[in-house]
PDB file of N, CA and C in Angstrom:
ATOM      1  N   UNK A   1     -14.711  14.944 -14.088  1.00  0.00           N
ATOM      2  CA  UNK A   1     -15.769  14.268 -13.354  1.00  0.00           C
ATOM      3  C   UNK A   1     -15.610  14.571 -11.869  1.00  0.00           C
ATOM      4  N   UNK A   2     -16.723  14.866 -11.228  1.00  0.00           N
ATOM      5  CA  UNK A   2     -16.687  15.191  -9.806  1.00  0.00           C
ATOM      6  C   UNK A   2     -17.898  14.607  -9.100  1.00  0.00           C
ATOM      7  N   UNK A   3     -17.790  14.578  -7.799  1.00  0.00           N
ATOM      8  CA  UNK A   3     -18.937  14.285  -6.957  1.00  0.00           C
ATOM      9  C   UNK A   3     -19.367  12.844  -6.853  1.00  0.00           C
ATOM     10  N   UNK A   4     -18.496  11.884  -7.161  1.00  0.00           N
ATOM     11  CA  UNK A   4     -18.894  10.487  -7.058  1.00  0.00           C
ATOM     12  C   UNK A   4     -19.083  10.104  -5.595  1.00  0.00           C
ATOM     13  N   UNK A   5     -20.254   9.543  -5.297  1.00  0.00           N
ATOM     14  CA  UNK A   5     -20.542   9.037  -3.954  1.00  0.00           C
ATOM     15  C   UNK A   5     -21.039   7.603  -4.066  1.00  0.00           C
ATOM     16  N   UNK A   6     -20.799   6.839  -3.004  1.00  0.00           N
ATOM     17  CA  UNK A   6     -21.194   5.427  -2.985  1.00  0.00           C
ATOM     18  C   UNK A   6     -21.917   5.128  -1.678  1.00  0.00           C
ATOM     19  N   UNK A   7     -23.079   4.491  -1.780  1.00  0.00           N
ATOM     20  CA  UNK A   7     -23.863   4.081  -0.620  1.00  0.00           C
ATOM     21  C   UNK A   7     -24.113   2.590  -0.721  1.00  0.00           C
ATOM     22  N   UNK A   8     -23.715   1.871   0.316  1.00  0.00           N
ATOM     23  CA  UNK A   8     -23.775   0.414   0.241  1.00  0.00           C
ATOM     24  C   UNK A   8     -25.068  -0.161   0.785  1.00  0.00           C
ATOM     25  N   UNK A   9     -25.386  -1.334   0.255  1.00  0.00           N
ATOM     26  CA  UNK A   9     -26.509  -2.142   0.678  1.00  0.00           C
ATOM     27  C   UNK A   9     -26.037  -3.587   0.592  1.00  0.00           C
ATOM     28  N   UNK A  10     -26.856  -4.539   0.928  1.00  0.00           N
ATOM     29  CA  UNK A  10     -26.455  -5.943   0.913  1.00  0.00           C
ATOM     30  C   UNK A  10     -26.130  -6.406  -0.507  1.00  0.00           C
ATOM     31  N   UNK A  11     -24.861  -6.696  -0.765  1.00  0.00           N
ATOM     32  CA  UNK A  11     -24.441  -7.229  -2.053  1.00  0.00           C
ATOM     33  C   UNK A  11     -24.433  -6.241  -3.198  1.00  0.00           C
ATOM     34  N   UNK A  12     -24.680  -4.948  -2.923  1.00  0.00           N
ATOM     35  CA  UNK A  12     -24.674  -3.959  -3.989  1.00  0.00           C
ATOM     36  C   UNK A  12     -24.301  -2.586  -3.437  1.00  0.00           C
ATOM     37  N   UNK A  13     -23.926  -1.693  -4.360  1.00  0.00           N
ATOM     38  CA  UNK A  13     -23.577  -0.326  -4.000  1.00  0.00           C
ATOM     39  C   UNK A  13     -24.273   0.610  -4.979  1.00  0.00           C
ATOM     40  N   UNK A  14     -24.983   1.597  -4.440  1.00  0.00           N
ATOM     41  CA  UNK A  14     -25.622   2.630  -5.254  1.00  0.00           C
ATOM     42  C   UNK A  14     -24.638   3.781  -5.403  1.00  0.00           C
ATOM     43  N   UNK A  15     -24.429   4.228  -6.646  1.00  0.00           N
ATOM     44  CA  UNK A  15     -23.473   5.279  -6.955  1.00  0.00           C
ATOM     45  C   UNK A  15     -24.169   6.449  -7.617  1.00  0.00           C
ATOM     46  N   UNK A  16     -23.690   7.646  -7.337  1.00  0.00           N
ATOM     47  CA  UNK A  16     -24.198   8.831  -8.032  1.00  0.00           C
ATOM     48  C   UNK A  16     -23.047   9.819  -8.198  1.00  0.00           C
ATOM     49  N   UNK A  17     -23.187  10.713  -9.177  1.00  0.00           N
ATOM     50  CA  UNK A  17     -22.133  11.666  -9.489  1.00  0.00           C
ATOM     51  C   UNK A  17     -22.748  12.891 -10.131  1.00  0.00           C
ATOM     52  N   UNK A  18     -21.936  13.948 -10.271  1.00  0.00           N
ATOM     53  CA  UNK A  18     -22.374  15.185 -10.905  1.00  0.00           C
ATOM     54  C   UNK A  18     -22.383  15.004 -12.416  1.00  0.00           C
ATOM     55  N   UNK A  19     -23.352  15.613 -13.079  1.00  0.00           N
ATOM     56  CA  UNK A  19     -23.436  15.546 -14.541  1.00  0.00           C
ATOM     57  C   UNK A  19     -22.244  16.246 -15.170  1.00  0.00           C
ATOM     58  N   UNK A  20     -21.829  15.736 -16.313  1.00  0.00           N
ATOM     59  CA  UNK A  20     -20.738  16.335 -17.082  1.00  0.00           C
ATOM     60  C   UNK A  20     -21.320  16.873 -18.385  1.00  0.00           C
ATOM     61  N   UNK A  21     -21.136  18.149 -18.648  1.00  0.00           N
ATOM     62  CA  UNK A  21     -21.680  18.779 -19.844  1.00  0.00           C
ATOM     63  C   UNK A  21     -21.169  18.076 -21.102  1.00  0.00           C
ATOM     64  N   UNK A  22     -22.091  17.696 -21.977  1.00  0.00           N
ATOM     65  CA  UNK A  22     -21.734  17.078 -23.241  1.00  0.00           C
ATOM     66  C   UNK A  22     -21.536  15.575 -23.197  1.00  0.00           C
ATOM     67  N   UNK A  23     -21.708  14.962 -22.024  1.00  0.00           N
ATOM     68  CA  UNK A  23     -21.515  13.507 -21.922  1.00  0.00           C
ATOM     69  C   UNK A  23     -22.622  12.761 -22.649  1.00  0.00           C
ATOM     70  N   UNK A  24     -22.234  11.715 -23.372  1.00  0.00           N
ATOM     71  CA  UNK A  24     -23.198  10.813 -24.000  1.00  0.00           C
ATOM     72  C   UNK A  24     -23.545   9.665 -23.057  1.00  0.00           C
ATOM     73  N   UNK A  25     -22.534   9.220 -22.300  1.00  0.00           N
ATOM     74  CA  UNK A  25     -22.744   8.165 -21.319  1.00  0.00           C
ATOM     75  C   UNK A  25     -21.632   8.218 -20.288  1.00  0.00           C
ATOM     76  N   UNK A  26     -21.792   7.413 -19.258  1.00  0.00           N
ATOM     77  CA  UNK A  26     -20.829   7.326 -18.168  1.00  0.00           C
ATOM     78  C   UNK A  26     -20.481   5.861 -17.956  1.00  0.00           C
ATOM     79  N   UNK A  27     -19.213   5.603 -17.676  1.00  0.00           N
ATOM     80  CA  UNK A  27     -18.795   4.244 -17.347  1.00  0.00           C
ATOM     81  C   UNK A  27     -18.255   4.236 -15.929  1.00  0.00           C
ATOM     82  N   UNK A  28     -18.811   3.343 -15.106  1.00  0.00           N
ATOM     83  CA  UNK A  28     -18.389   3.182 -13.714  1.00  0.00           C
ATOM     84  C   UNK A  28     -17.566   1.902 -13.625  1.00  0.00           C
ATOM     85  N   UNK A  29     -16.388   2.019 -13.023  1.00  0.00           N
ATOM     86  CA  UNK A  29     -15.489   0.873 -12.835  1.00  0.00           C
ATOM     87  C   UNK A  29     -15.322   0.617 -11.346  1.00  0.00           C
ATOM     88  N   UNK A  30     -15.114  -0.654 -10.977  1.00  0.00           N
ATOM     89  CA  UNK A  30     -14.862  -0.944  -9.569  1.00  0.00           C
ATOM     90  C   UNK A  30     -13.878  -2.088  -9.401  1.00  0.00           C
ATOM     91  N   UNK A  31     -13.212  -2.058  -8.239  1.00  0.00           N
ATOM     92  CA  UNK A  31     -12.251  -3.087  -7.891  1.00  0.00           C
ATOM     93  C   UNK A  31     -12.284  -3.350  -6.396  1.00  0.00           C
ATOM     94  N   UNK A  32     -12.014  -4.592  -6.036  1.00  0.00           N
ATOM     95  CA  UNK A  32     -11.888  -4.933  -4.614  1.00  0.00           C
ATOM     96  C   UNK A  32     -10.432  -4.826  -4.164  1.00  0.00           C
ATOM     97  N   UNK A  33      -9.523  -4.497  -5.085  1.00  0.00           N
ATOM     98  CA  UNK A  33      -8.122  -4.241  -4.738  1.00  0.00           C
ATOM     99  C   UNK A  33      -8.014  -2.762  -4.394  1.00  0.00           C
ATOM    100  N   UNK A  34      -8.387  -2.418  -3.166  1.00  0.00           N
ATOM    101  CA  UNK A  34      -8.580  -1.017  -2.817  1.00  0.00           C
ATOM    102  C   UNK A  34      -7.306  -0.182  -2.803  1.00  0.00           C
ATOM    103  N   UNK A  35      -6.138  -0.799  -2.804  1.00  0.00           N
ATOM    104  CA  UNK A  35      -4.910  -0.026  -2.849  1.00  0.00           C
ATOM    105  C   UNK A  35      -4.415   0.217  -4.257  1.00  0.00           C
ATOM    106  N   UNK A  36      -5.113  -0.322  -5.244  1.00  0.00           N
ATOM    107  CA  UNK A  36      -4.656  -0.268  -6.631  1.00  0.00           C
ATOM    108  C   UNK A  36      -5.333   0.861  -7.404  1.00  0.00           C
ATOM    109  N   UNK A  37      -4.647   1.336  -8.428  1.00  0.00           N
ATOM    110  CA  UNK A  37      -5.170   2.353  -9.336  1.00  0.00           C
ATOM    111  C   UNK A  37      -6.038   1.675 -10.403  1.00  0.00           C
ATOM    112  N   UNK A  38      -7.203   2.221 -10.683  1.00  0.00           N
ATOM    113  CA  UNK A  38      -8.071   1.698 -11.730  1.00  0.00           C
ATOM    114  C   UNK A  38      -7.725   2.400 -13.037  1.00  0.00           C
ATOM    115  N   UNK A  39      -7.286   1.618 -14.013  1.00  0.00           N
ATOM    116  CA  UNK A  39      -6.986   2.126 -15.349  1.00  0.00           C
ATOM    117  C   UNK A  39      -8.041   1.574 -16.294  1.00  0.00           C
ATOM    118  N   UNK A  40      -8.953   2.414 -16.788  1.00  0.00           N
ATOM    119  CA  UNK A  40     -10.018   1.925 -17.673  1.00  0.00           C
ATOM    120  C   UNK A  40      -9.502   1.206 -18.922  1.00  0.00           C
ATOM    121  N   UNK A  41      -8.269   1.477 -19.324  1.00  0.00           N
ATOM    122  CA  UNK A  41      -7.692   0.833 -20.506  1.00  0.00           C
ATOM    123  C   UNK A  41      -7.056  -0.512 -20.200  1.00  0.00           C
ATOM    124  N   UNK A  42      -7.010  -0.898 -18.915  1.00  0.00           N
ATOM    125  CA  UNK A  42      -6.379  -2.155 -18.509  1.00  0.00           C
ATOM    126  C   UNK A  42      -7.352  -2.969 -17.661  1.00  0.00           C
ATOM    127  N   UNK A  43      -8.061  -3.932 -18.264  1.00  0.00           N
ATOM    128  CA  UNK A  43      -9.057  -4.712 -17.530  1.00  0.00           C
ATOM    129  C   UNK A  43      -8.516  -5.462 -16.313  1.00  0.00           C
ATOM    130  N   UNK A  44      -7.219  -5.658 -16.228  1.00  0.00           N
ATOM    131  CA  UNK A  44      -6.664  -6.342 -15.057  1.00  0.00           C
ATOM    132  C   UNK A  44      -6.686  -5.463 -13.804  1.00  0.00           C
ATOM    133  N   UNK A  45      -6.995  -4.154 -13.971  1.00  0.00           N
ATOM    134  CA  UNK A  45      -6.999  -3.239 -12.820  1.00  0.00           C
ATOM    135  C   UNK A  45      -8.382  -3.030 -12.214  1.00  0.00           C
ATOM    136  N   UNK A  46      -9.408  -3.639 -12.790  1.00  0.00           N
ATOM    137  CA  UNK A  46     -10.750  -3.514 -12.215  1.00  0.00           C
ATOM    138  C   UNK A  46     -11.483  -4.846 -12.309  1.00  0.00           C
ATOM    139  N   UNK A  47     -12.466  -5.012 -11.423  1.00  0.00           N
ATOM    140  CA  UNK A  47     -13.236  -6.256 -11.369  1.00  0.00           C
ATOM    141  C   UNK A  47     -14.376  -6.278 -12.386  1.00  0.00           C
ATOM    142  N   UNK A  48     -15.017  -5.123 -12.568  1.00  0.00           N
ATOM    143  CA  UNK A  48     -16.176  -5.058 -13.457  1.00  0.00           C
ATOM    144  C   UNK A  48     -16.478  -3.594 -13.753  1.00  0.00           C
ATOM    145  N   UNK A  49     -17.456  -3.369 -14.630  1.00  0.00           N
ATOM    146  CA  UNK A  49     -17.878  -2.013 -14.962  1.00  0.00           C
ATOM    147  C   UNK A  49     -19.314  -2.051 -15.454  1.00  0.00           C
ATOM    148  N   UNK A  50     -19.930  -0.887 -15.478  1.00  0.00           N
ATOM    149  CA  UNK A  50     -21.260  -0.727 -16.063  1.00  0.00           C
ATOM    150  C   UNK A  50     -21.307   0.625 -16.751  1.00  0.00           C
ATOM    151  N   UNK A  51     -22.090   0.717 -17.806  1.00  0.00           N
ATOM    152  CA  UNK A  51     -22.231   1.962 -18.553  1.00  0.00           C
ATOM    153  C   UNK A  51     -23.684   2.404 -18.498  1.00  0.00           C
ATOM    154  N   UNK A  52     -23.891   3.692 -18.225  1.00  0.00           N
ATOM    155  CA  UNK A  52     -25.247   4.253 -18.199  1.00  0.00           C
ATOM    156  C   UNK A  52     -25.312   5.422 -19.181  1.00  0.00           C
ATOM    157  N   UNK A  53     -26.445   5.561 -19.815  1.00  0.00           N
ATOM    158  CA  UNK A  53     -26.649   6.616 -20.805  1.00  0.00           C
ATOM    159  C   UNK A  53     -27.014   7.922 -20.119  1.00  0.00           C
ATOM    160  N   UNK A  54     -26.356   9.015 -20.541  1.00  0.00           N
ATOM    161  CA  UNK A  54     -26.705  10.348 -20.039  1.00  0.00           C
ATOM    162  C   UNK A  54     -28.120  10.666 -20.519  1.00  0.00           C
ATOM    163  N   UNK A  55     -28.904  11.391 -19.764  1.00  0.00           N
ATOM    164  CA  UNK A  55     -28.511  12.242 -18.657  1.00  0.00           C
ATOM    165  C   UNK A  55     -28.482  11.563 -17.284  1.00  0.00           C
ATOM    166  N   UNK A  56     -28.696  10.257 -17.214  1.00  0.00           N
ATOM    167  CA  UNK A  56     -28.645   9.567 -15.921  1.00  0.00           C
ATOM    168  C   UNK A  56     -27.290   9.803 -15.255  1.00  0.00           C
ATOM    169  N   UNK A  57     -27.308   9.995 -13.947  1.00  0.00           N
ATOM    170  CA  UNK A  57     -26.072  10.205 -13.192  1.00  0.00           C
ATOM    171  C   UNK A  57     -26.045   9.294 -11.966  1.00  0.00           C
ATOM    172  N   UNK A  58     -26.519   8.069 -12.159  1.00  0.00           N
ATOM    173  CA  UNK A  58     -26.476   7.095 -11.075  1.00  0.00           C
ATOM    174  C   UNK A  58     -26.426   5.698 -11.659  1.00  0.00           C
ATOM    175  N   UNK A  59     -25.912   4.773 -10.854  1.00  0.00           N
ATOM    176  CA  UNK A  59     -25.823   3.370 -11.263  1.00  0.00           C
ATOM    177  C   UNK A  59     -25.789   2.521 -10.011  1.00  0.00           C
ATOM    178  N   UNK A  60     -26.029   1.232 -10.174  1.00  0.00           N
ATOM    179  CA  UNK A  60     -25.930   0.280  -9.073  1.00  0.00           C
ATOM    180  C   UNK A  60     -24.973  -0.829  -9.461  1.00  0.00           C
ATOM    181  N   UNK A  61     -23.943  -1.009  -8.653  1.00  0.00           N
ATOM    182  CA  UNK A  61     -23.012  -2.124  -8.837  1.00  0.00           C
ATOM    183  C   UNK A  61     -23.580  -3.309  -8.070  1.00  0.00           C
ATOM    184  N   UNK A  62     -23.800  -4.411  -8.758  1.00  0.00           N
ATOM    185  CA  UNK A  62     -24.423  -5.589  -8.147  1.00  0.00           C
ATOM    186  C   UNK A  62     -23.461  -6.770  -8.141  1.00  0.00           C
ATOM    187  N   UNK A  63     -23.911  -7.848  -7.523  1.00  0.00           N
ATOM    188  CA  UNK A  63     -23.131  -9.097  -7.421  1.00  0.00           C
ATOM    189  C   UNK A  63     -21.795  -8.867  -6.734  1.00  0.00           C
ATOM    190  N   UNK A  64     -21.796  -7.988  -5.744  1.00  0.00           N
ATOM    191  CA  UNK A  64     -20.584  -7.723  -4.972  1.00  0.00           C
ATOM    192  C   UNK A  64     -20.546  -8.638  -3.758  1.00  0.00           C
ATOM    193  N   UNK A  65     -19.373  -8.834  -3.224  1.00  0.00           N
ATOM    194  CA  UNK A  65     -19.203  -9.687  -2.047  1.00  0.00           C
ATOM    195  C   UNK A  65     -19.463  -8.854  -0.797  1.00  0.00           C
ATOM    196  N   UNK A  66     -20.462  -9.224  -0.024  1.00  0.00           N
ATOM    197  CA  UNK A  66     -20.764  -8.496   1.210  1.00  0.00           C
ATOM    198  C   UNK A  66     -19.584  -8.600   2.157  1.00  0.00           C
ATOM    199  N   UNK A  67     -19.215  -7.475   2.732  1.00  0.00           N
ATOM    200  CA  UNK A  67     -18.098  -7.418   3.661  1.00  0.00           C
ATOM    201  C   UNK A  67     -16.775  -7.066   3.007  1.00  0.00           C
ATOM    202  N   UNK A  68     -16.719  -7.094   1.670  1.00  0.00           N
ATOM    203  CA  UNK A  68     -15.493  -6.713   0.952  1.00  0.00           C
ATOM    204  C   UNK A  68     -15.537  -5.213   0.661  1.00  0.00           C
ATOM    205  N   UNK A  69     -14.378  -4.577   0.694  1.00  0.00           N
ATOM    206  CA  UNK A  69     -14.279  -3.151   0.405  1.00  0.00           C
ATOM    207  C   UNK A  69     -14.014  -2.958  -1.085  1.00  0.00           C
ATOM    208  N   UNK A  70     -14.723  -2.003  -1.692  1.00  0.00           N
ATOM    209  CA  UNK A  70     -14.581  -1.733  -3.128  1.00  0.00           C
ATOM    210  C   UNK A  70     -14.287  -0.257  -3.360  1.00  0.00           C
ATOM    211  N   UNK A  71     -13.455   0.014  -4.357  1.00  0.00           N
ATOM    212  CA  UNK A  71     -13.223   1.364  -4.847  1.00  0.00           C
ATOM    213  C   UNK A  71     -13.929   1.516  -6.186  1.00  0.00           C
ATOM    214  N   UNK A  72     -14.469   2.709  -6.425  1.00  0.00           N
ATOM    215  CA  UNK A  72     -15.217   3.011  -7.643  1.00  0.00           C
ATOM    216  C   UNK A  72     -14.699   4.301  -8.257  1.00  0.00           C
ATOM    217  N   UNK A  73     -14.705   4.370  -9.591  1.00  0.00           N
ATOM    218  CA  UNK A  73     -14.490   5.620 -10.319  1.00  0.00           C
ATOM    219  C   UNK A  73     -15.527   5.687 -11.428  1.00  0.00           C
ATOM    220  N   UNK A  74     -15.747   6.889 -11.948  1.00  0.00           N
ATOM    221  CA  UNK A  74     -16.646   7.068 -13.092  1.00  0.00           C
ATOM    222  C   UNK A  74     -15.945   7.954 -14.106  1.00  0.00           C
ATOM    223  N   UNK A  75     -16.209   7.683 -15.385  1.00  0.00           N
ATOM    224  CA  UNK A  75     -15.652   8.454 -16.489  1.00  0.00           C
ATOM    225  C   UNK A  75     -16.796   8.851 -17.409  1.00  0.00           C
ATOM    226  N   UNK A  76     -16.796  10.111 -17.837  1.00  0.00           N
ATOM    227  CA  UNK A  76     -17.781  10.585 -18.809  1.00  0.00           C
ATOM    228  C   UNK A  76     -17.238  10.330 -20.209  1.00  0.00           C
ATOM    229  N   UNK A  77     -18.105   9.860 -21.093  1.00  0.00           N
ATOM    230  CA  UNK A  77     -17.715   9.570 -22.474  1.00  0.00           C
ATOM    231  C   UNK A  77     -18.579  10.380 -23.437  1.00  0.00           C
ATOM    232  N   UNK A  78     -17.945  10.873 -24.497  1.00  0.00           N
ATOM    233  CA  UNK A  78     -18.672  11.593 -25.544  1.00  0.00           C
ATOM    234  C   UNK A  78     -18.018  11.296 -26.884  1.00  0.00           C
ATOM    235  N   UNK A  79     -18.568  11.857 -27.918  1.00  0.00           N
ATOM    236  CA  UNK A  79     -18.017  11.720 -29.263  1.00  0.00           C
ATOM    237  C   UNK A  79     -16.560  12.177 -29.300  1.00  0.00           C
ATOM    238  N   UNK A  80     -16.218  13.141 -28.453  1.00  0.00           N
ATOM    239  CA  UNK A  80     -14.882  13.741 -28.460  1.00  0.00           C
ATOM    240  C   UNK A  80     -13.872  12.992 -27.603  1.00  0.00           C
ATOM    241  N   UNK A  81     -14.303  11.989 -26.860  1.00  0.00           N
ATOM    242  CA  UNK A  81     -13.381  11.223 -26.029  1.00  0.00           C
ATOM    243  C   UNK A  81     -13.915  11.033 -24.625  1.00  0.00           C
ATOM    244  N   UNK A  82     -13.007  10.721 -23.716  1.00  0.00           N
ATOM    245  CA  UNK A  82     -13.376  10.430 -22.326  1.00  0.00           C
ATOM    246  C   UNK A  82     -12.769  11.464 -21.390  1.00  0.00           C
ATOM    247  N   UNK A  83     -13.456  11.694 -20.294  1.00  0.00           N
ATOM    248  CA  UNK A  83     -12.969  12.617 -19.273  1.00  0.00           C
ATOM    249  C   UNK A  83     -11.902  11.938 -18.431  1.00  0.00           C
ATOM    250  N   UNK A  84     -11.158  12.712 -17.658  1.00  0.00           N
ATOM    251  CA  UNK A  84     -10.309  12.088 -16.637  1.00  0.00           C
ATOM    252  C   UNK A  84     -11.190  11.385 -15.624  1.00  0.00           C
ATOM    253  N   UNK A  85     -10.655  10.406 -14.902  1.00  0.00           N
ATOM    254  CA  UNK A  85     -11.457   9.708 -13.884  1.00  0.00           C
ATOM    255  C   UNK A  85     -11.924  10.650 -12.776  1.00  0.00           C
ATOM    256  N   UNK A  86     -13.036  10.292 -12.187  1.00  0.00           N
ATOM    257  CA  UNK A  86     -13.575  11.030 -11.043  1.00  0.00           C
ATOM    258  C   UNK A  86     -12.728  10.751  -9.813  1.00  0.00           C
ATOM    259  N   UNK A  87     -13.150  11.349  -8.717  1.00  0.00           N
ATOM    260  CA  UNK A  87     -12.608  10.967  -7.415  1.00  0.00           C
ATOM    261  C   UNK A  87     -12.912   9.494  -7.167  1.00  0.00           C
ATOM    262  N   UNK A  88     -12.152   8.882  -6.290  1.00  0.00           N
ATOM    263  CA  UNK A  88     -12.405   7.493  -5.907  1.00  0.00           C
ATOM    264  C   UNK A  88     -13.406   7.487  -4.765  1.00  0.00           C
ATOM    265  N   UNK A  89     -14.441   6.682  -4.891  1.00  0.00           N
ATOM    266  CA  UNK A  89     -15.406   6.481  -3.808  1.00  0.00           C
ATOM    267  C   UNK A  89     -15.233   5.043  -3.303  1.00  0.00           C
ATOM    268  N   UNK A  90     -15.342   4.855  -1.998  1.00  0.00           N
ATOM    269  CA  UNK A  90     -15.174   3.544  -1.416  1.00  0.00           C
ATOM    270  C   UNK A  90     -16.448   3.143  -0.686  1.00  0.00           C
ATOM    271  N   UNK A  91     -16.790   1.862  -0.778  1.00  0.00           N
ATOM    272  CA  UNK A  91     -17.961   1.349  -0.067  1.00  0.00           C
ATOM    273  C   UNK A  91     -17.763  -0.132   0.229  1.00  0.00           C
ATOM    274  N   UNK A  92     -18.418  -0.595   1.292  1.00  0.00           N
ATOM    275  CA  UNK A  92     -18.396  -1.998   1.669  1.00  0.00           C
ATOM    276  C   UNK A  92     -19.821  -2.501   1.756  1.00  0.00           C
ATOM    277  N   UNK A  93     -20.242  -3.290   0.759  1.00  0.00           N
ATOM    278  CA  UNK A  93     -21.629  -3.789   0.797  1.00  0.00           C
ATOM    279  C   UNK A  93     -21.827  -4.809   1.924  1.00  0.00           C
TER     280      UNK A  93
END
């Protein structure tokens, strides 16, 4: 996964990324613990997530705390498994 970008707005962050060949869907994870690693298999490492169906390559994280800094990653999912995490994108709504 590559190309994750985050653009903030009041209480939300718009995210976009490069398409991954063969992806069925994408899962975006975020945390306000900006120094921590996000492990998709460990819910204690992220605050929330959203899943979007391919071919869409964008999502909006909502209900965020304005003024708080958030880190985001995205993972592509398919019948064959999941991709490694994308780059980390940071935004402050």
